[in-house]
Protein backbone atom coordinates (compact mmCIF):
# COMPACT_ATOMS: atom_id res chain seq x y z
CA UNK A 1 4.72 -4.25 26.64
CA UNK A 2 5.61 -5.08 22.99
CA UNK A 3 8.33 -8.23 23.06
CA UNK A 4 9.89 -7.95 19.67
CA UNK A 5 9.35 -5.20 16.38
CA UNK A 6 11.59 -5.40 13.73
CA UNK A 7 11.64 -3.69 10.46
CA UNK A 8 8.25 -2.11 11.26
CA UNK A 9 7.06 0.60 8.55
CA UNK A 10 6.17 4.23 9.94
CA UNK A 11 2.63 3.65 9.87
CA UNK A 12 3.08 -0.01 12.07
CA UNK A 13 4.99 2.23 14.37
CA UNK A 14 2.58 4.63 14.91
CA UNK A 15 -0.43 2.64 15.46
CA UNK A 16 1.28 0.87 17.87
CA UNK A 17 2.54 3.82 19.52
CA UNK A 18 -1.15 5.21 19.71
CA UNK A 19 -2.07 1.82 21.22
CA UNK A 20 0.44 1.94 23.84
CA UNK A 21 2.21 -0.74 22.49
CA UNK A 22 5.41 0.38 23.35
CA UNK A 23 9.06 -1.35 22.90
CA UNK A 24 12.18 -1.01 25.05
CA UNK A 25 14.18 0.53 22.60
CA UNK A 26 13.45 2.15 18.82
CA UNK A 27 16.65 2.90 17.10
CA UNK A 28 15.03 5.26 13.70
CA UNK A 29 17.67 5.41 11.14
CA UNK A 30 18.08 6.96 7.60
CA UNK A 31 18.60 9.49 5.18
CA UNK A 32 15.06 10.91 5.36
CA UNK A 33 14.65 12.87 8.64
CA UNK A 34 10.83 13.67 8.13
CA UNK A 35 9.95 10.58 9.36
CA UNK A 36 12.20 10.22 12.52
CA UNK A 37 11.75 13.67 13.45
CA UNK A 38 7.93 12.73 13.42
CA UNK A 39 7.99 9.62 15.44
CA UNK A 40 10.48 10.95 17.71
CA UNK A 41 8.08 14.25 18.52
CA UNK A 42 5.17 11.83 18.79
CA UNK A 43 6.77 9.74 21.38
CA UNK A 44 8.05 12.74 23.43
CA UNK A 45 4.81 14.51 23.45
CA UNK A 46 2.46 11.49 24.07
CA UNK A 47 4.16 8.45 25.80
CA UNK A 48 4.13 10.53 28.63
CA UNK A 49 1.65 12.95 30.75
CA UNK A 50 3.03 16.70 30.87
CA UNK A 51 3.34 16.39 34.76
CA UNK A 52 5.33 12.85 34.37
CA UNK A 53 7.78 14.26 31.71
CA UNK A 54 9.88 16.71 34.75
CA UNK A 55 11.20 13.63 36.21
CA UNK A 56 11.02 10.89 33.70
CA UNK A 57 11.67 12.34 30.25
CA UNK A 58 15.22 13.17 28.74
CA UNK A 59 16.73 14.58 25.25
CA UNK A 60 20.17 14.32 24.97
CA UNK A 61 22.50 15.00 21.79
CA UNK A 62 24.65 11.72 20.69
CA UNK A 63 27.97 14.20 20.85
CA UNK A 64 27.39 15.22 24.51
CA UNK A 65 27.06 11.61 25.82
CA UNK A 66 29.05 8.19 26.28
CA UNK A 67 27.79 4.66 25.55
CA UNK A 68 28.15 4.29 29.11
CA UNK A 69 26.62 7.28 30.04
CA UNK A 70 23.34 6.38 28.42
CA UNK A 71 23.45 3.20 29.52
CA UNK A 72 23.07 3.96 33.06
CA UNK A 73 20.76 6.10 32.19
CA UNK A 74 18.52 3.67 30.55
CA UNK A 75 18.89 1.51 33.71
CA UNK A 76 17.08 3.83 36.59
CA UNK A 77 13.60 3.35 37.40
CA UNK A 78 10.99 6.12 36.42
CA UNK A 79 9.67 8.44 39.41
CA UNK A 80 5.80 8.34 39.94
CA UNK A 81 5.50 6.55 36.18
CA UNK A 82 4.81 3.87 34.46
CA UNK A 83 7.69 4.87 32.16
CA UNK A 84 10.67 7.05 31.58
CA UNK A 85 11.54 8.33 27.74
CA UNK A 86 15.13 8.65 26.45
CA UNK A 87 15.60 10.66 23.32
CA UNK A 88 18.66 10.52 21.67
CA UNK A 89 19.11 12.87 18.98
CA UNK A 90 22.22 12.68 16.20
CA UNK A 91 22.69 9.49 17.62
CA UNK A 92 25.38 8.63 14.86
CA UNK A 93 27.68 10.91 16.79
CA UNK A 94 27.98 8.11 19.64
CA UNK A 95 31.48 6.88 19.29
CA UNK A 96 31.65 3.61 21.15
CA UNK A 97 28.75 1.61 21.56
CA UNK A 98 29.68 -1.34 23.82
CA UNK A 99 27.67 -0.17 26.88
CA UNK A 100 24.48 0.12 24.67
CA UNK A 101 25.01 -3.16 23.00
CA UNK A 102 25.68 -4.78 26.91
CA UNK A 103 22.51 -2.99 28.33
CA UNK A 104 20.07 -4.62 25.29
CA UNK A 105 21.12 -7.96 26.67
CA UNK A 106 18.85 -7.41 29.41
CA UNK A 107 16.76 -3.58 28.83
CA UNK A 108 14.99 -2.15 31.45
CA UNK A 109 11.33 -2.61 30.43
CA UNK A 110 10.10 0.88 32.32
CA UNK A 111 12.58 2.49 30.16
CA UNK A 112 11.87 3.48 26.08
CA UNK A 113 15.10 4.58 24.61
CA UNK A 114 14.78 5.95 21.21
CA UNK A 115 17.93 6.54 19.14
CA UNK A 116 17.77 8.76 16.20
CA UNK A 117 20.17 8.17 13.68
CA UNK A 118 20.32 10.16 10.66
CA UNK A 119 22.19 10.89 7.24
CA UNK A 120 22.89 7.34 6.75
CA UNK A 121 21.72 3.97 8.57
CA UNK A 122 23.56 1.24 10.76
CA UNK A 123 25.95 -1.62 9.09
CA UNK A 124 23.98 -4.32 9.07
CA UNK A 125 26.66 -6.06 10.06
CA UNK A 126 27.14 -4.43 13.45
CA UNK A 127 26.27 -6.40 16.41
CA UNK A 128 24.40 -4.14 17.64
CA UNK A 129 21.65 -3.69 14.78
CA UNK A 130 20.59 -7.28 15.67
CA UNK A 131 20.69 -6.72 19.66
CA UNK A 132 18.06 -3.63 18.83
CA UNK A 133 15.88 -6.34 16.23
CA UNK A 134 15.66 -8.82 19.29
CA UNK A 135 14.14 -6.82 22.05
CA UNK A 136 13.01 -3.64 19.65
CA UNK A 137 12.15 -1.62 16.94
CA UNK A 138 14.41 -0.97 14.00
CA UNK A 139 12.78 1.84 11.33
CA UNK A 140 14.67 2.62 8.36
CA UNK A 141 13.48 6.06 6.75
CA UNK A 142 14.35 6.24 3.08
CA UNK A 143 14.63 9.47 0.69
CA UNK A 144 11.38 9.82 -1.18
CA UNK A 145 11.79 9.47 -4.89
CA UNK A 146 10.37 11.72 -7.55
CA UNK A 147 7.64 9.62 -8.42
CA UNK A 148 6.48 8.57 -5.17
CA UNK A 149 5.87 11.99 -4.50
CA UNK A 150 2.37 12.66 -6.05
CA UNK A 151 0.74 9.53 -3.45
CA UNK A 152 2.67 11.43 -0.74
CA UNK A 153 1.18 14.81 -1.13
CA UNK A 154 -2.45 12.84 -2.04
CA UNK A 155 -2.26 10.89 1.15
CA UNK A 156 -0.74 13.64 3.86
CA UNK A 157 -3.60 16.13 2.67
CA UNK A 158 -5.91 12.95 2.84
CA UNK A 159 -5.16 12.67 6.62
CA UNK A 160 -6.28 16.58 6.62
CA UNK A 161 -9.30 16.28 5.12
CA UNK A 162 -8.28 17.81 1.85
CA UNK A 163 -8.77 17.19 -1.55
CA UNK A 164 -6.30 17.95 -4.82
CA UNK A 165 -6.62 17.32 -8.37
CA UNK A 166 -3.62 15.49 -10.39
CA UNK A 167 -2.35 18.60 -11.88
CA UNK A 168 -1.69 20.47 -8.84
CA UNK A 169 -0.19 17.46 -7.30
CA UNK A 170 2.52 17.11 -10.00
CA UNK A 171 2.86 20.71 -9.95
CA UNK A 172 4.01 21.26 -6.19
CA UNK A 173 6.03 17.86 -6.44
CA UNK A 174 8.06 19.24 -9.23
CA UNK A 175 8.08 22.52 -7.76
CA UNK A 176 9.12 21.72 -4.26
CA UNK A 177 10.60 18.40 -4.64
CA UNK A 178 11.69 15.47 -2.18
CA UNK A 179 12.64 17.62 1.04
CA UNK A 180 9.45 16.33 3.17
CA UNK A 181 9.59 18.93 5.49
CA UNK A 182 9.66 21.86 3.13
CA UNK A 183 6.97 19.83 1.59
CA UNK A 184 4.54 19.35 4.18
CA UNK A 185 5.38 22.87 5.46
CA UNK A 186 4.37 24.50 1.79
CA UNK A 187 0.91 21.94 2.39
CA UNK A 188 0.32 23.37 5.63
CA UNK A 189 0.12 26.64 4.67
CA UNK A 190 -1.94 25.96 1.41
CA UNK A 191 -4.64 24.21 3.83
CA UNK A 192 -4.88 27.29 5.86
CA UNK A 193 -5.60 29.20 3.57
CA UNK A 194 -8.65 27.25 2.00
CA UNK A 195 -12.35 28.47 2.98
CA UNK A 196 -13.71 25.62 4.88
CA UNK A 197 -16.60 25.57 2.51
CA UNK A 198 -14.10 24.34 -0.02
CA UNK A 199 -11.51 22.60 1.39
CA UNK A 200 -9.90 21.51 -2.05
CA UNK A 201 -6.81 22.91 -3.62
CA UNK A 202 -6.47 23.68 -7.44
CA UNK A 203 -3.93 24.89 -9.63
CA UNK A 204 -5.32 28.68 -9.11
CA UNK A 205 -4.67 28.15 -5.26
CA UNK A 206 -1.10 26.42 -5.82
CA UNK A 207 -0.47 29.66 -7.86
CA UNK A 208 -1.54 32.19 -5.34
CA UNK A 209 0.11 30.05 -2.41
CA UNK A 210 2.94 28.75 -3.60
CA UNK A 211 4.03 30.66 -6.56
CA UNK A 212 4.01 28.91 -9.07
CA UNK A 213 2.32 29.59 -12.45
CA UNK A 214 -0.28 27.55 -13.36
CA UNK A 215 0.39 27.99 -16.67
CA UNK A 216 4.51 28.05 -17.35
CA UNK A 217 5.58 25.14 -15.10
CA UNK A 218 7.45 21.63 -15.54
CA UNK A 219 3.91 20.19 -15.48
CA UNK A 220 3.02 21.75 -18.30
CA UNK A 221 6.37 21.36 -20.12
CA UNK A 222 6.02 17.72 -19.88
CA UNK A 223 2.46 17.51 -21.43
CA UNK A 224 3.34 19.97 -23.86
CA UNK A 225 6.39 17.89 -25.26
CA UNK A 226 3.86 14.16 -24.94
CA UNK A 227 1.55 16.05 -27.27
CA UNK A 228 4.78 17.53 -29.14
CA UNK A 229 3.03 21.10 -28.99
CA UNK A 230 6.07 23.11 -30.41
CA UNK A 231 4.61 26.47 -29.60
CA UNK A 232 3.32 25.70 -25.64
CA UNK A 233 6.82 24.03 -24.79
CA UNK A 234 8.75 26.98 -26.37
CA UNK A 235 6.53 30.04 -24.53
CA UNK A 236 6.98 27.56 -21.50
CA UNK A 237 11.39 27.33 -21.74
CA UNK A 238 11.13 31.43 -22.55
CA UNK A 239 8.99 32.21 -19.41
CA UNK A 240 11.45 29.77 -17.54
CA UNK A 241 14.52 31.48 -19.18
CA UNK A 242 13.46 35.08 -18.09
CA UNK A 243 12.15 33.84 -14.61
CA UNK A 244 14.86 30.98 -13.23
CA UNK A 245 12.99 30.72 -9.97
CA UNK A 246 10.01 29.44 -12.04
CA UNK A 247 11.64 26.81 -13.83
CA UNK A 248 15.03 25.66 -14.95
CA UNK A 249 16.78 23.18 -16.72
CA UNK A 250 17.89 21.49 -13.11
CA UNK A 251 14.20 21.25 -12.17
CA UNK A 252 12.52 19.39 -15.50
CA UNK A 253 15.24 17.50 -16.30
CA UNK A 254 14.67 14.90 -14.14
CA UNK A 255 11.09 14.79 -14.82
CA UNK A 256 11.33 14.80 -18.56
CA UNK A 257 14.27 11.81 -18.46
CA UNK A 258 11.89 9.74 -16.26
CA UNK A 259 9.02 9.76 -18.99
CA UNK A 260 11.45 9.31 -21.90
CA UNK A 261 12.92 6.43 -19.91
CA UNK A 262 9.51 4.89 -19.40
CA UNK A 263 8.67 5.64 -22.85
CA UNK A 264 11.44 3.66 -24.15
CA UNK A 265 10.72 0.23 -21.85
CA UNK A 266 7.35 0.66 -23.39
CA UNK A 267 8.50 -0.26 -26.75
CA UNK A 268 9.47 -3.54 -25.23
CA UNK A 269 6.30 -4.99 -23.78
CA UNK A 270 5.51 -8.22 -25.09
CA UNK A 271 1.96 -6.87 -26.16
CA UNK A 272 1.71 -3.10 -26.64
CA UNK A 273 -2.03 -3.27 -28.01
CA UNK A 274 -3.42 -4.12 -25.03
CA UNK A 275 -3.78 -1.04 -22.50
CA UNK A 276 -3.73 -3.24 -19.38
CA UNK A 277 -0.96 -5.20 -20.20
CA UNK A 278 1.10 -2.37 -20.98
CA UNK A 279 0.17 -0.52 -18.16
CA UNK A 280 1.27 -3.50 -15.90
CA UNK A 281 4.49 -3.50 -17.62
CA UNK A 282 4.83 -0.03 -17.23
CA UNK A 283 4.20 -0.91 -13.21
CA UNK A 284 1.31 1.86 -13.59
CA UNK A 285 -1.32 1.62 -10.86
CA UNK A 286 -3.91 2.23 -13.97
CA UNK A 287 -4.97 2.26 -17.42
CA UNK A 288 -5.86 5.94 -16.67
CA UNK A 289 -2.05 6.79 -15.89
CA UNK A 290 -1.16 5.18 -19.48
CA UNK A 291 -2.64 7.67 -21.44
CA UNK A 292 0.53 9.93 -21.83
CA UNK A 293 2.91 7.07 -23.17
CA UNK A 294 0.25 6.02 -25.74
CA UNK A 295 0.40 9.70 -26.84
CA UNK A 296 4.14 9.81 -26.48
CA UNK A 297 4.33 6.39 -28.90
CA UNK A 298 2.26 8.34 -31.52
CA UNK A 299 4.39 11.05 -31.50
CA UNK A 300 8.22 9.67 -30.88
CA UNK A 301 9.50 6.75 -32.31
CA UNK A 302 11.74 3.94 -30.64
CA UNK A 303 14.87 5.39 -32.26
CA UNK A 304 13.80 8.97 -31.73
CA UNK A 305 13.53 8.36 -28.17
CA UNK A 306 16.50 6.16 -27.96
CA UNK A 307 18.33 9.05 -29.65
CA UNK A 308 16.16 11.58 -26.71
CA UNK A 309 17.89 9.90 -24.26
CA UNK A 310 21.05 10.10 -25.51
CA UNK A 311 20.86 13.61 -25.39
CA UNK A 312 19.46 13.89 -22.21
CA UNK A 313 22.73 12.40 -20.82
CA UNK A 314 24.87 14.84 -23.47
CA UNK A 315 23.20 17.54 -21.76
CA UNK A 316 23.04 16.36 -17.83
CA UNK A 317 27.16 16.10 -18.24
CA UNK A 318 27.66 19.61 -20.09
CA UNK A 319 24.95 21.38 -17.19
CA UNK A 320 27.92 19.77 -14.92
CA UNK A 321 30.73 21.16 -16.95
CA UNK A 322 31.98 18.14 -18.82
CA UNK A 323 33.34 19.38 -22.16
CA UNK A 324 31.25 22.36 -21.87
CA UNK A 325 33.61 25.32 -21.64
CA UNK A 326 31.00 28.37 -21.16
CA UNK A 327 27.31 27.09 -22.33
CA UNK A 328 24.86 28.35 -19.80
CA UNK A 329 22.02 26.32 -18.23
CA UNK A 330 19.25 28.43 -20.15
CA UNK A 331 20.87 27.51 -23.66
CA UNK A 332 21.45 23.85 -22.48
CA UNK A 333 17.65 24.20 -22.00
CA UNK A 334 16.87 25.50 -25.11
CA UNK A 335 19.15 23.35 -26.87
CA UNK A 336 17.67 19.84 -25.17
CA UNK A 337 13.78 21.25 -26.00
CA UNK A 338 14.58 22.01 -29.53
CA UNK A 339 16.27 18.26 -30.28
CA UNK A 340 13.20 16.55 -28.16
CA UNK A 341 10.75 18.60 -30.92
CA UNK A 342 12.60 18.15 -34.08
């Protein structure tokens, strides 16, 4: 059994679990429930054999148990099994943790206690956190940011033996967003639809299975704006206005703002003439990702970029009702795109 695990990542924890290197306690906490559920479900399904689970595996909820009761459960020994597993869901609802802190002074090595603490983290100054770190595993599950979604999608599909092109990745990321449970559910649905002979996701597949137009979406709107294709941009905006579920101000505002924010950063690069140095300045993984910013710098001056960023802030505030008594999201969307392109 592992003596000490702390501040480990999801992949490292999963690797240890698969190799049956267990810690006496796991604290799985954070805003992103996806990874917490994945780890807890794996432990529930794989640590004990099915015939061992009846007497040696318990799933309880933090609102239904006290710390003293949980500590008593953890001190029990397994029946005809090497381990007993206790999974506490919604562990953030346990009110007083003194008894758990005392248990951690001398945890039972045959007990694997899993605390699923969702919708936040335990204050780093709390004594229980240090005690768990001393004998077990602490994992913080952070929300994915929008720019991290493409890599997540590609990585998830790779584990399933499925390929995907860059356009399809961006369309899915923009349409579904950072709800990883929903995102993986949609990806699984798409995977099931693929023929055995062609395990690759294309824009046509995305349009058929997820219902996002391959021609009129946030990704294509971004491309049209980067290249300053006024006709295409207006086509997409008008399509969004007539089909709100396909795209809206709220879906593409973060995507476009992120582009122009990075474009502004590019203007401050020490050496804008070197693609390699500019890519490093923007923290891009490759110069291939740089092409949109090079196009953007040709089409938008530094001054115009600054004005566009100010306009984003103005439109964002108006969309939340600030100094805006009656302008709808559709009109704000058109106002923003017109300002960017002219």
